[in-house]
């Protein structure tokens, strides 16, 4: 019987997830916590340490990323499965880099959650195909594969002499949306300016002059 803890600041949702997990064969919920700090206080006692923790990302006091980092350093035997409404690439990547062994969205099907728990219990990790492609390539340092198609299109235009407003016109987007693409690309590739973006694009074959 695998012991599960649920860390989520939404009480009703925690109770619902707890009921689901308890209906799965060979899984039992030990307790639920409202944030990472509360969870860490629980696991000070050895008999309160679960095999797997279902971890929300955004929580008050101590969020899922910070809590997962602490577990990776001090309690690596406790496996983290992120369960969140957050679906932004950079959030998923941060959570996995922190030490999570899998990432699911909260609107996932019951059968998917059960399979994810079984996979983590058996193999130590679980990723959906979409998340797996994003994470594996990103963690290998090949961040261009974590970019969306429209972001790559934006990069190609950004390597020309066009202004951001002109790029917005060519892409049939608002200037604000293009600024969003710029900020997202800079964040994913850890860049600070357009010059760095052009250099990155040339080095990685995203743009050929």
N, C-alpha and C. Protein backbone atom coordinates (compact mmCIF):
# COMPACT_ATOMS: atom_id res chain seq x y z
N UNK A 1 0.85 -1.19 0.00
CA UNK A 1 0.00 0.00 0.00
C UNK A 1 0.89 1.25 0.00
N UNK A 2 0.77 2.07 -1.05
CA UNK A 2 1.56 3.29 -1.15
C UNK A 2 0.85 4.44 -0.42
N UNK A 3 1.63 5.15 0.40
CA UNK A 3 1.07 6.25 1.18
C UNK A 3 1.19 7.57 0.40
N UNK A 4 0.08 8.31 0.38
CA UNK A 4 0.02 9.55 -0.39
C UNK A 4 -0.31 10.72 0.52
N UNK A 5 0.33 11.88 0.27
CA UNK A 5 -0.03 13.13 0.92
C UNK A 5 -0.47 14.11 -0.16
N UNK A 6 -1.40 14.98 0.17
CA UNK A 6 -1.89 15.97 -0.78
C UNK A 6 -1.62 17.36 -0.21
N UNK A 7 -0.93 18.19 -0.99
CA UNK A 7 -0.60 19.55 -0.54
C UNK A 7 -1.26 20.54 -1.50
N UNK A 8 -2.31 21.18 -1.02
CA UNK A 8 -3.11 22.08 -1.87
C UNK A 8 -3.88 23.02 -0.96
N UNK A 9 -3.89 24.31 -1.30
CA UNK A 9 -4.55 25.27 -0.41
C UNK A 9 -6.06 25.33 -0.60
N UNK A 10 -6.61 24.60 -1.56
CA UNK A 10 -8.06 24.55 -1.75
C UNK A 10 -8.61 23.31 -1.04
N UNK A 11 -9.27 23.53 0.08
CA UNK A 11 -9.71 22.44 0.94
C UNK A 11 -10.67 21.49 0.25
N UNK A 12 -11.68 22.02 -0.42
CA UNK A 12 -12.66 21.16 -1.07
C UNK A 12 -12.02 20.31 -2.16
N UNK A 13 -11.11 20.91 -2.90
CA UNK A 13 -10.42 20.18 -3.96
C UNK A 13 -9.54 19.08 -3.36
N UNK A 14 -8.85 19.40 -2.28
CA UNK A 14 -8.02 18.40 -1.60
C UNK A 14 -8.85 17.20 -1.15
N UNK A 15 -10.04 17.50 -0.61
CA UNK A 15 -10.91 16.43 -0.15
C UNK A 15 -11.39 15.56 -1.31
N UNK A 16 -11.68 16.23 -2.44
CA UNK A 16 -12.14 15.49 -3.62
C UNK A 16 -11.04 14.59 -4.16
N UNK A 17 -9.82 15.13 -4.24
CA UNK A 17 -8.68 14.35 -4.72
C UNK A 17 -8.38 13.20 -3.77
N UNK A 18 -8.51 13.49 -2.49
CA UNK A 18 -8.28 12.45 -1.48
C UNK A 18 -9.25 11.29 -1.66
N UNK A 19 -10.51 11.61 -1.92
CA UNK A 19 -11.50 10.57 -2.15
C UNK A 19 -11.18 9.73 -3.38
N UNK A 20 -10.70 10.40 -4.43
CA UNK A 20 -10.32 9.69 -5.66
C UNK A 20 -9.17 8.73 -5.39
N UNK A 21 -8.13 9.25 -4.76
CA UNK A 21 -6.93 8.44 -4.52
C UNK A 21 -7.24 7.24 -3.63
N UNK A 22 -8.08 7.45 -2.64
CA UNK A 22 -8.44 6.35 -1.74
C UNK A 22 -9.26 5.27 -2.45
N UNK A 23 -9.84 5.63 -3.59
CA UNK A 23 -10.60 4.63 -4.36
C UNK A 23 -9.70 3.79 -5.26
N UNK A 24 -8.43 4.22 -5.41
CA UNK A 24 -7.48 3.47 -6.23
C UNK A 24 -6.91 2.30 -5.43
N UNK A 25 -6.73 1.20 -6.10
CA UNK A 25 -6.17 0.02 -5.45
C UNK A 25 -4.70 0.27 -5.09
N UNK A 26 -4.33 -0.08 -3.88
CA UNK A 26 -2.95 0.01 -3.40
C UNK A 26 -2.47 1.43 -3.11
N UNK A 27 -3.41 2.38 -2.97
CA UNK A 27 -3.03 3.75 -2.61
C UNK A 27 -3.89 4.24 -1.45
N UNK A 28 -3.27 4.94 -0.52
CA UNK A 28 -3.98 5.42 0.66
C UNK A 28 -3.48 6.82 1.02
N UNK A 29 -4.41 7.75 1.22
CA UNK A 29 -4.04 9.12 1.59
C UNK A 29 -3.80 9.21 3.09
N UNK A 30 -2.61 9.67 3.46
CA UNK A 30 -2.27 9.84 4.87
C UNK A 30 -2.91 11.09 5.45
N UNK A 31 -2.80 12.20 4.72
CA UNK A 31 -3.33 13.48 5.18
C UNK A 31 -3.25 14.50 4.05
N UNK A 32 -3.87 15.65 4.27
CA UNK A 32 -3.78 16.77 3.34
C UNK A 32 -3.20 17.98 4.07
N UNK A 33 -2.50 18.83 3.34
CA UNK A 33 -1.92 20.06 3.91
C UNK A 33 -2.27 21.25 3.02
N UNK A 34 -2.29 22.43 3.60
CA UNK A 34 -2.69 23.62 2.85
C UNK A 34 -1.53 24.35 2.19
N UNK A 35 -0.30 24.02 2.58
CA UNK A 35 0.87 24.66 1.97
C UNK A 35 2.11 23.84 2.29
N UNK A 36 3.21 24.23 1.67
CA UNK A 36 4.44 23.48 1.84
C UNK A 36 4.98 23.48 3.25
N UNK A 37 4.85 24.61 3.93
CA UNK A 37 5.36 24.69 5.30
C UNK A 37 4.65 23.70 6.21
N UNK A 38 3.33 23.63 6.07
CA UNK A 38 2.55 22.69 6.87
C UNK A 38 2.96 21.25 6.58
N UNK A 39 3.25 20.97 5.31
CA UNK A 39 3.67 19.63 4.92
C UNK A 39 5.03 19.27 5.53
N UNK A 40 5.96 20.21 5.47
CA UNK A 40 7.30 19.95 6.02
C UNK A 40 7.26 19.73 7.52
N UNK A 41 6.33 20.40 8.18
CA UNK A 41 6.17 20.17 9.61
C UNK A 41 5.67 18.75 9.88
N UNK A 42 4.82 18.25 9.01
CA UNK A 42 4.30 16.89 9.16
C UNK A 42 5.40 15.84 9.02
N UNK A 43 6.26 16.03 8.02
CA UNK A 43 7.23 14.97 7.72
C UNK A 43 8.47 15.01 8.62
N UNK A 44 8.44 15.89 9.61
CA UNK A 44 9.51 15.82 10.61
C UNK A 44 9.45 14.48 11.34
N UNK A 45 8.25 13.93 11.39
CA UNK A 45 8.05 12.63 12.03
C UNK A 45 8.06 11.54 10.97
N UNK A 46 8.90 10.56 11.17
CA UNK A 46 9.14 9.54 10.15
C UNK A 46 7.87 8.80 9.74
N UNK A 47 6.98 8.54 10.66
CA UNK A 47 5.76 7.80 10.31
C UNK A 47 4.75 8.64 9.54
N UNK A 48 5.05 9.93 9.36
CA UNK A 48 4.19 10.82 8.57
C UNK A 48 4.72 11.05 7.16
N UNK A 49 5.77 10.35 6.80
CA UNK A 49 6.39 10.57 5.49
C UNK A 49 5.74 9.68 4.43
N UNK A 50 5.14 10.28 3.42
CA UNK A 50 4.47 9.51 2.38
C UNK A 50 5.46 8.99 1.35
N UNK A 51 4.98 8.07 0.52
CA UNK A 51 5.80 7.61 -0.61
C UNK A 51 5.73 8.62 -1.75
N UNK A 52 4.54 9.20 -1.94
CA UNK A 52 4.30 10.15 -3.02
C UNK A 52 3.49 11.32 -2.48
N UNK A 53 3.82 12.52 -2.93
CA UNK A 53 3.03 13.69 -2.54
C UNK A 53 2.48 14.36 -3.80
N UNK A 54 1.17 14.61 -3.80
CA UNK A 54 0.52 15.37 -4.87
C UNK A 54 0.64 16.84 -4.50
N UNK A 55 1.42 17.58 -5.28
CA UNK A 55 1.82 18.93 -4.89
C UNK A 55 1.26 19.99 -5.84
N UNK A 56 0.51 20.93 -5.25
CA UNK A 56 0.07 22.10 -6.01
C UNK A 56 1.29 23.00 -6.23
N UNK A 57 1.20 23.90 -7.21
CA UNK A 57 2.33 24.80 -7.48
C UNK A 57 2.17 26.12 -6.74
N UNK A 58 1.05 26.80 -6.96
CA UNK A 58 0.83 28.10 -6.34
C UNK A 58 0.08 27.96 -5.02
N UNK A 59 0.78 28.25 -3.91
CA UNK A 59 0.18 28.19 -2.58
C UNK A 59 0.77 29.31 -1.73
N UNK A 60 0.02 29.78 -0.74
CA UNK A 60 0.57 30.81 0.16
C UNK A 60 1.60 30.23 1.10
N UNK A 61 2.38 31.13 1.71
CA UNK A 61 3.39 30.80 2.73
C UNK A 61 4.60 30.07 2.12
N UNK A 62 4.36 28.90 1.53
CA UNK A 62 5.45 28.15 0.88
C UNK A 62 4.87 27.41 -0.32
N UNK A 63 5.31 27.79 -1.51
CA UNK A 63 4.71 27.22 -2.72
C UNK A 63 5.29 25.85 -3.07
N UNK A 64 4.74 25.27 -4.14
CA UNK A 64 5.14 23.93 -4.54
C UNK A 64 6.57 23.82 -5.03
N UNK A 65 7.05 24.84 -5.71
CA UNK A 65 8.41 24.80 -6.24
C UNK A 65 9.43 24.81 -5.10
N UNK A 66 9.24 25.71 -4.15
CA UNK A 66 10.15 25.80 -3.01
C UNK A 66 10.10 24.53 -2.17
N UNK A 67 8.89 24.00 -1.97
CA UNK A 67 8.73 22.80 -1.17
C UNK A 67 9.40 21.60 -1.84
N UNK A 68 9.22 21.50 -3.16
CA UNK A 68 9.80 20.39 -3.91
C UNK A 68 11.32 20.44 -3.87
N UNK A 69 11.88 21.64 -3.97
CA UNK A 69 13.34 21.79 -3.86
C UNK A 69 13.84 21.28 -2.51
N UNK A 70 13.10 21.61 -1.46
CA UNK A 70 13.49 21.17 -0.11
C UNK A 70 13.44 19.65 -0.01
N UNK A 71 12.40 19.06 -0.58
CA UNK A 71 12.27 17.60 -0.55
C UNK A 71 13.41 16.93 -1.32
N UNK A 72 13.74 17.49 -2.46
CA UNK A 72 14.81 16.92 -3.28
C UNK A 72 16.12 16.90 -2.53
N UNK A 73 16.36 17.93 -1.73
CA UNK A 73 17.61 18.03 -0.99
C UNK A 73 17.62 17.20 0.29
N UNK A 74 16.50 17.20 1.00
CA UNK A 74 16.48 16.59 2.33
C UNK A 74 15.70 15.27 2.43
N UNK A 75 14.72 15.08 1.53
CA UNK A 75 13.91 13.85 1.56
C UNK A 75 13.73 13.31 0.14
N UNK A 76 14.81 12.96 -0.53
CA UNK A 76 14.71 12.54 -1.94
C UNK A 76 13.89 11.27 -2.15
N UNK A 77 13.66 10.52 -1.08
CA UNK A 77 12.86 9.30 -1.20
C UNK A 77 11.37 9.60 -1.38
N UNK A 78 10.95 10.83 -1.04
CA UNK A 78 9.55 11.23 -1.23
C UNK A 78 9.38 11.75 -2.65
N UNK A 79 8.57 11.08 -3.45
CA UNK A 79 8.39 11.43 -4.86
C UNK A 79 7.26 12.44 -5.02
N UNK A 80 7.52 13.47 -5.80
CA UNK A 80 6.54 14.55 -6.00
C UNK A 80 5.87 14.44 -7.36
N UNK A 81 4.54 14.44 -7.35
CA UNK A 81 3.76 14.55 -8.59
C UNK A 81 3.03 15.88 -8.51
N UNK A 82 3.39 16.81 -9.38
CA UNK A 82 2.74 18.12 -9.40
C UNK A 82 1.33 17.97 -9.97
N UNK A 83 0.37 18.62 -9.30
CA UNK A 83 -1.02 18.60 -9.75
C UNK A 83 -1.51 20.04 -9.67
N UNK A 84 -1.63 20.70 -10.83
CA UNK A 84 -1.83 22.15 -10.82
C UNK A 84 -2.73 22.60 -11.96
N UNK A 85 -3.21 23.83 -11.85
CA UNK A 85 -3.94 24.47 -12.95
C UNK A 85 -2.97 25.19 -13.88
N UNK A 86 -1.73 25.36 -13.42
CA UNK A 86 -0.72 26.06 -14.20
C UNK A 86 -0.26 25.22 -15.38
N UNK A 87 -0.38 25.75 -16.60
CA UNK A 87 0.04 24.99 -17.77
C UNK A 87 1.07 25.72 -18.63
N UNK A 88 1.62 26.81 -18.10
CA UNK A 88 2.67 27.53 -18.82
C UNK A 88 3.95 26.70 -18.84
N UNK A 89 4.62 26.70 -19.97
CA UNK A 89 5.84 25.89 -20.13
C UNK A 89 6.86 26.19 -19.05
N UNK A 90 7.08 27.49 -18.77
CA UNK A 90 8.14 27.83 -17.81
C UNK A 90 7.82 27.36 -16.41
N UNK A 91 6.52 27.31 -16.06
CA UNK A 91 6.13 26.82 -14.74
C UNK A 91 6.38 25.32 -14.63
N UNK A 92 6.01 24.59 -15.68
CA UNK A 92 6.23 23.14 -15.70
C UNK A 92 7.73 22.84 -15.58
N UNK A 93 8.52 23.56 -16.35
CA UNK A 93 9.97 23.34 -16.34
C UNK A 93 10.55 23.63 -14.96
N UNK A 94 10.12 24.73 -14.33
CA UNK A 94 10.61 25.07 -13.00
C UNK A 94 10.29 23.97 -12.00
N UNK A 95 9.07 23.43 -12.10
CA UNK A 95 8.65 22.40 -11.15
C UNK A 95 9.47 21.12 -11.32
N UNK A 96 9.71 20.73 -12.55
CA UNK A 96 10.49 19.53 -12.81
C UNK A 96 11.95 19.73 -12.38
N UNK A 97 12.49 20.90 -12.69
CA UNK A 97 13.86 21.18 -12.27
C UNK A 97 13.99 21.20 -10.75
N UNK A 98 12.91 21.58 -10.08
CA UNK A 98 12.92 21.58 -8.61
C UNK A 98 12.97 20.17 -8.06
N UNK A 99 12.52 19.18 -8.89
CA UNK A 99 12.60 17.80 -8.44
C UNK A 99 11.34 16.98 -8.61
N UNK A 100 10.27 17.58 -9.15
CA UNK A 100 9.03 16.83 -9.36
C UNK A 100 9.25 15.71 -10.37
N UNK A 101 8.63 14.56 -10.13
CA UNK A 101 8.78 13.39 -11.00
C UNK A 101 7.69 13.30 -12.05
N UNK A 102 6.75 14.25 -12.01
CA UNK A 102 5.68 14.27 -12.99
C UNK A 102 4.86 15.53 -12.85
N UNK A 103 4.04 15.84 -13.85
CA UNK A 103 3.25 17.07 -13.82
C UNK A 103 1.91 16.81 -14.49
N UNK A 104 0.83 17.00 -13.74
CA UNK A 104 -0.52 16.82 -14.28
C UNK A 104 -1.34 18.08 -14.04
N UNK A 105 -2.27 18.35 -14.94
CA UNK A 105 -3.21 19.45 -14.74
C UNK A 105 -4.39 18.94 -13.93
N UNK A 106 -5.01 19.83 -13.19
CA UNK A 106 -6.08 19.42 -12.29
C UNK A 106 -7.35 18.96 -13.01
N UNK A 107 -7.47 19.28 -14.28
CA UNK A 107 -8.65 18.83 -15.02
C UNK A 107 -8.42 17.48 -15.70
N UNK A 108 -7.37 16.78 -15.30
CA UNK A 108 -7.07 15.48 -15.88
C UNK A 108 -8.11 14.44 -15.50
N UNK A 109 -8.24 13.41 -16.30
CA UNK A 109 -9.19 12.33 -16.03
C UNK A 109 -8.72 11.50 -14.83
N UNK A 110 -9.69 10.90 -14.15
CA UNK A 110 -9.41 10.05 -12.99
C UNK A 110 -8.45 8.93 -13.36
N UNK A 111 -8.66 8.32 -14.51
CA UNK A 111 -7.82 7.19 -14.94
C UNK A 111 -6.38 7.63 -15.18
N UNK A 112 -6.20 8.86 -15.65
CA UNK A 112 -4.85 9.38 -15.90
C UNK A 112 -4.12 9.58 -14.58
N UNK A 113 -4.83 10.12 -13.59
CA UNK A 113 -4.22 10.31 -12.27
C UNK A 113 -3.82 8.97 -11.66
N UNK A 114 -4.70 7.99 -11.78
CA UNK A 114 -4.39 6.67 -11.23
C UNK A 114 -3.18 6.06 -11.93
N UNK A 115 -3.14 6.18 -13.24
CA UNK A 115 -2.01 5.64 -14.00
C UNK A 115 -0.71 6.36 -13.64
N UNK A 116 -0.80 7.68 -13.44
CA UNK A 116 0.38 8.46 -13.08
C UNK A 116 0.95 8.00 -11.74
N UNK A 117 0.07 7.77 -10.78
CA UNK A 117 0.52 7.29 -9.47
C UNK A 117 1.17 5.91 -9.58
N UNK A 118 0.57 5.06 -10.39
CA UNK A 118 1.13 3.71 -10.58
C UNK A 118 2.50 3.78 -11.24
N UNK A 119 2.64 4.65 -12.24
CA UNK A 119 3.91 4.78 -12.94
C UNK A 119 5.00 5.32 -12.01
N UNK A 120 4.66 6.32 -11.22
CA UNK A 120 5.64 6.88 -10.30
C UNK A 120 6.04 5.86 -9.24
N UNK A 121 5.05 5.12 -8.75
CA UNK A 121 5.34 4.10 -7.73
C UNK A 121 6.24 3.01 -8.29
N UNK A 122 6.03 2.67 -9.56
CA UNK A 122 6.80 1.57 -10.17
C UNK A 122 8.14 2.02 -10.75
N UNK A 123 8.14 3.19 -11.40
CA UNK A 123 9.33 3.61 -12.16
C UNK A 123 10.04 4.85 -11.62
N UNK A 124 9.37 5.56 -10.72
CA UNK A 124 10.00 6.75 -10.15
C UNK A 124 9.71 8.03 -10.88
N UNK A 125 8.93 7.96 -11.99
CA UNK A 125 8.59 9.18 -12.71
C UNK A 125 7.37 8.93 -13.59
N UNK A 126 6.71 10.02 -14.02
CA UNK A 126 5.60 9.92 -14.98
C UNK A 126 5.47 11.25 -15.70
N UNK A 127 5.41 11.18 -17.03
CA UNK A 127 5.15 12.38 -17.82
C UNK A 127 4.20 12.05 -18.95
N UNK A 128 3.24 12.94 -19.21
CA UNK A 128 2.41 12.80 -20.40
C UNK A 128 3.32 13.03 -21.60
N UNK A 129 2.90 12.62 -22.78
CA UNK A 129 3.73 12.77 -23.97
C UNK A 129 4.08 14.24 -24.23
N UNK A 130 3.09 15.11 -24.09
CA UNK A 130 3.31 16.53 -24.36
C UNK A 130 4.31 17.12 -23.38
N UNK A 131 4.08 16.89 -22.11
CA UNK A 131 4.98 17.42 -21.08
C UNK A 131 6.36 16.79 -21.18
N UNK A 132 6.41 15.52 -21.49
CA UNK A 132 7.68 14.82 -21.59
C UNK A 132 8.57 15.44 -22.67
N UNK A 133 8.00 15.69 -23.83
CA UNK A 133 8.78 16.29 -24.92
C UNK A 133 9.31 17.66 -24.51
N UNK A 134 8.44 18.44 -23.89
CA UNK A 134 8.84 19.78 -23.46
C UNK A 134 9.97 19.72 -22.44
N UNK A 135 9.81 18.88 -21.43
CA UNK A 135 10.75 18.85 -20.33
C UNK A 135 12.08 18.20 -20.67
N UNK A 136 12.03 17.07 -21.31
CA UNK A 136 13.27 16.36 -21.62
C UNK A 136 14.18 17.23 -22.48
N UNK A 137 13.61 17.84 -23.49
CA UNK A 137 14.41 18.67 -24.39
C UNK A 137 14.90 19.93 -23.69
N UNK A 138 14.06 20.50 -22.85
CA UNK A 138 14.45 21.70 -22.13
C UNK A 138 15.54 21.39 -21.11
N UNK A 139 15.38 20.29 -20.39
CA UNK A 139 16.36 19.93 -19.37
C UNK A 139 17.70 19.55 -19.97
N UNK A 140 17.68 19.12 -21.24
CA UNK A 140 18.92 18.81 -21.94
C UNK A 140 19.60 20.06 -22.45
N UNK A 141 18.95 21.21 -22.23
CA UNK A 141 19.53 22.48 -22.67
C UNK A 141 19.14 22.85 -24.08
N UNK A 142 18.29 22.05 -24.72
CA UNK A 142 17.88 22.33 -26.09
C UNK A 142 16.58 23.12 -26.07
N UNK A 143 16.66 24.37 -25.57
CA UNK A 143 15.46 25.14 -25.28
C UNK A 143 14.66 25.53 -26.52
N UNK A 144 15.25 25.46 -27.68
CA UNK A 144 14.49 25.83 -28.87
C UNK A 144 13.33 24.87 -29.09
N UNK A 145 13.45 23.63 -28.59
CA UNK A 145 12.37 22.67 -28.74
C UNK A 145 11.25 22.91 -27.75
N UNK A 146 11.47 23.79 -26.76
CA UNK A 146 10.41 24.15 -25.82
C UNK A 146 9.60 25.33 -26.33
N UNK A 147 10.02 25.90 -27.46
CA UNK A 147 9.34 27.06 -28.02
C UNK A 147 8.11 26.63 -28.82
N UNK A 148 7.09 27.44 -28.76
CA UNK A 148 5.89 27.19 -29.56
C UNK A 148 6.13 27.66 -31.00
N UNK A 149 5.31 27.16 -31.92
CA UNK A 149 5.49 27.49 -33.34
C UNK A 149 5.42 29.00 -33.58
N UNK A 150 4.46 29.66 -32.92
CA UNK A 150 4.31 31.10 -33.13
C UNK A 150 5.48 31.87 -32.52
N UNK A 151 6.07 31.32 -31.47
CA UNK A 151 7.23 31.97 -30.87
C UNK A 151 8.43 31.86 -31.80
N UNK A 152 8.57 30.73 -32.45
CA UNK A 152 9.65 30.56 -33.43
C UNK A 152 9.45 31.52 -34.60
N UNK A 153 8.19 31.66 -35.03
CA UNK A 153 7.88 32.60 -36.11
C UNK A 153 8.25 34.02 -35.68
N UNK A 154 7.93 34.36 -34.44
CA UNK A 154 8.29 35.68 -33.92
C UNK A 154 9.81 35.88 -33.93
N UNK A 155 10.55 34.86 -33.51
CA UNK A 155 12.02 34.95 -33.47
C UNK A 155 12.58 35.25 -34.86
N UNK A 156 12.06 34.56 -35.85
CA UNK A 156 12.54 34.78 -37.23
C UNK A 156 12.33 36.22 -37.67
N UNK A 157 11.17 36.77 -37.33
CA UNK A 157 10.90 38.17 -37.67
C UNK A 157 11.77 39.11 -36.85
N UNK A 158 12.03 38.73 -35.58
CA UNK A 158 12.83 39.59 -34.71
C UNK A 158 14.28 39.68 -35.17
N UNK A 159 14.70 38.73 -36.00
CA UNK A 159 16.07 38.74 -36.52
C UNK A 159 16.22 39.67 -37.72
N UNK A 160 15.14 40.27 -38.15
CA UNK A 160 15.19 41.24 -39.25
C UNK A 160 15.25 42.65 -38.67
N UNK A 161 15.14 43.65 -39.53
CA UNK A 161 15.19 45.03 -39.07
C UNK A 161 13.81 45.56 -38.70
N UNK A 162 12.79 44.70 -38.75
CA UNK A 162 11.43 45.15 -38.44
C UNK A 162 11.31 45.56 -36.97
N UNK A 163 10.49 46.57 -36.72
CA UNK A 163 10.16 46.94 -35.34
C UNK A 163 9.14 45.93 -34.80
N UNK A 164 8.93 45.96 -33.49
CA UNK A 164 7.95 45.05 -32.90
C UNK A 164 6.54 45.34 -33.43
N UNK A 165 6.24 46.60 -33.68
CA UNK A 165 4.93 46.95 -34.24
C UNK A 165 4.78 46.39 -35.66
N UNK A 166 5.86 46.43 -36.43
CA UNK A 166 5.83 45.88 -37.79
C UNK A 166 5.69 44.36 -37.74
N UNK A 167 6.35 43.73 -36.78
CA UNK A 167 6.22 42.28 -36.62
C UNK A 167 4.78 41.91 -36.28
N UNK A 168 4.16 42.71 -35.41
CA UNK A 168 2.77 42.48 -35.04
C UNK A 168 1.87 42.53 -36.27
N UNK A 169 2.14 43.49 -37.15
CA UNK A 169 1.34 43.64 -38.37
C UNK A 169 1.51 42.44 -39.29
N UNK A 170 2.74 41.99 -39.46
CA UNK A 170 3.03 40.85 -40.33
C UNK A 170 2.41 39.56 -39.79
N UNK A 171 2.41 39.42 -38.46
CA UNK A 171 1.87 38.21 -37.84
C UNK A 171 0.36 38.31 -37.58
N UNK A 172 -0.22 39.45 -37.94
CA UNK A 172 -1.65 39.70 -37.74
C UNK A 172 -2.01 39.58 -36.25
N UNK A 173 -1.16 40.20 -35.44
CA UNK A 173 -1.37 40.20 -34.00
C UNK A 173 -1.33 41.63 -33.47
N UNK A 174 -1.79 41.81 -32.24
CA UNK A 174 -1.70 43.12 -31.61
C UNK A 174 -0.28 43.32 -31.10
N UNK A 175 0.19 44.56 -31.00
CA UNK A 175 1.52 44.81 -30.45
C UNK A 175 1.68 44.21 -29.05
N UNK A 176 0.60 44.22 -28.26
CA UNK A 176 0.66 43.68 -26.91
C UNK A 176 0.93 42.17 -26.93
N UNK A 177 0.31 41.47 -27.89
CA UNK A 177 0.53 40.02 -28.00
C UNK A 177 1.97 39.73 -28.40
N UNK A 178 2.50 40.51 -29.30
CA UNK A 178 3.89 40.33 -29.72
C UNK A 178 4.85 40.60 -28.56
N UNK A 179 4.53 41.60 -27.75
CA UNK A 179 5.34 41.86 -26.57
C UNK A 179 5.31 40.66 -25.62
N UNK A 180 4.15 40.00 -25.57
CA UNK A 180 4.03 38.79 -24.75
C UNK A 180 4.92 37.68 -25.28
N UNK A 181 4.96 37.52 -26.61
CA UNK A 181 5.84 36.53 -27.23
C UNK A 181 7.30 36.86 -26.91
N UNK A 182 7.63 38.13 -27.01
CA UNK A 182 9.01 38.55 -26.72
C UNK A 182 9.39 38.20 -25.29
N UNK A 183 8.54 38.56 -24.35
CA UNK A 183 8.83 38.30 -22.94
C UNK A 183 8.94 36.80 -22.67
N UNK A 184 8.06 36.02 -23.28
CA UNK A 184 8.06 34.57 -23.09
C UNK A 184 9.34 33.95 -23.64
N UNK A 185 9.74 34.37 -24.83
CA UNK A 185 10.95 33.85 -25.47
C UNK A 185 12.19 34.23 -24.67
N UNK A 186 12.26 35.48 -24.22
CA UNK A 186 13.40 35.91 -23.42
C UNK A 186 13.50 35.08 -22.15
N UNK A 187 12.36 34.81 -21.53
CA UNK A 187 12.34 34.04 -20.29
C UNK A 187 12.79 32.60 -20.52
N UNK A 188 12.24 31.96 -21.56
CA UNK A 188 12.57 30.56 -21.85
C UNK A 188 14.04 30.37 -22.22
N UNK A 189 14.58 31.33 -22.94
CA UNK A 189 15.96 31.20 -23.42
C UNK A 189 16.97 31.93 -22.54
N UNK A 190 16.46 32.53 -21.45
CA UNK A 190 17.33 33.24 -20.51
C UNK A 190 18.11 34.35 -21.21
N UNK A 191 17.39 35.16 -21.99
CA UNK A 191 18.00 36.26 -22.74
C UNK A 191 17.53 37.59 -22.18
N UNK A 192 18.31 38.64 -22.43
CA UNK A 192 17.96 39.95 -21.90
C UNK A 192 17.61 40.97 -22.96
N UNK A 193 18.00 40.71 -24.20
CA UNK A 193 17.72 41.71 -25.23
C UNK A 193 17.63 41.06 -26.62
N UNK A 194 17.27 41.87 -27.60
CA UNK A 194 17.04 41.38 -28.96
C UNK A 194 18.34 40.93 -29.61
N UNK A 195 19.43 41.58 -29.28
CA UNK A 195 20.72 41.17 -29.83
C UNK A 195 21.05 39.74 -29.44
N UNK A 196 20.83 39.43 -28.15
CA UNK A 196 21.07 38.07 -27.69
C UNK A 196 20.17 37.07 -28.38
N UNK A 197 18.94 37.50 -28.69
CA UNK A 197 18.00 36.62 -29.38
C UNK A 197 18.49 36.31 -30.79
N UNK A 198 18.99 37.32 -31.48
CA UNK A 198 19.51 37.12 -32.84
C UNK A 198 20.70 36.16 -32.83
N UNK A 199 21.60 36.34 -31.88
CA UNK A 199 22.76 35.45 -31.77
C UNK A 199 22.31 34.02 -31.50
N UNK A 200 21.34 33.87 -30.59
CA UNK A 200 20.83 32.53 -30.28
C UNK A 200 20.21 31.89 -31.51
N UNK A 201 19.41 32.66 -32.24
CA UNK A 201 18.72 32.14 -33.42
C UNK A 201 19.71 31.69 -34.50
N UNK A 202 20.78 32.46 -34.68
CA UNK A 202 21.79 32.10 -35.67
C UNK A 202 22.54 30.83 -35.25
N UNK A 203 22.90 30.75 -33.99
CA UNK A 203 23.66 29.60 -33.49
C UNK A 203 22.83 28.31 -33.55
N UNK A 204 21.52 28.42 -33.39
CA UNK A 204 20.68 27.23 -33.31
C UNK A 204 19.86 26.97 -34.57
N UNK A 205 20.19 27.66 -35.64
CA UNK A 205 19.57 27.39 -36.92
C UNK A 205 18.13 27.83 -37.05
N UNK A 206 17.69 28.76 -36.20
CA UNK A 206 16.32 29.26 -36.29
C UNK A 206 16.19 30.37 -37.32
N UNK A 207 17.34 30.96 -37.70
CA UNK A 207 17.32 32.05 -38.68
C UNK A 207 18.59 31.98 -39.51
N UNK A 208 18.41 32.11 -40.83
CA UNK A 208 19.55 32.14 -41.75
C UNK A 208 19.50 33.42 -42.54
N UNK A 209 20.52 34.26 -42.41
CA UNK A 209 20.54 35.56 -43.12
C UNK A 209 20.66 35.40 -44.62
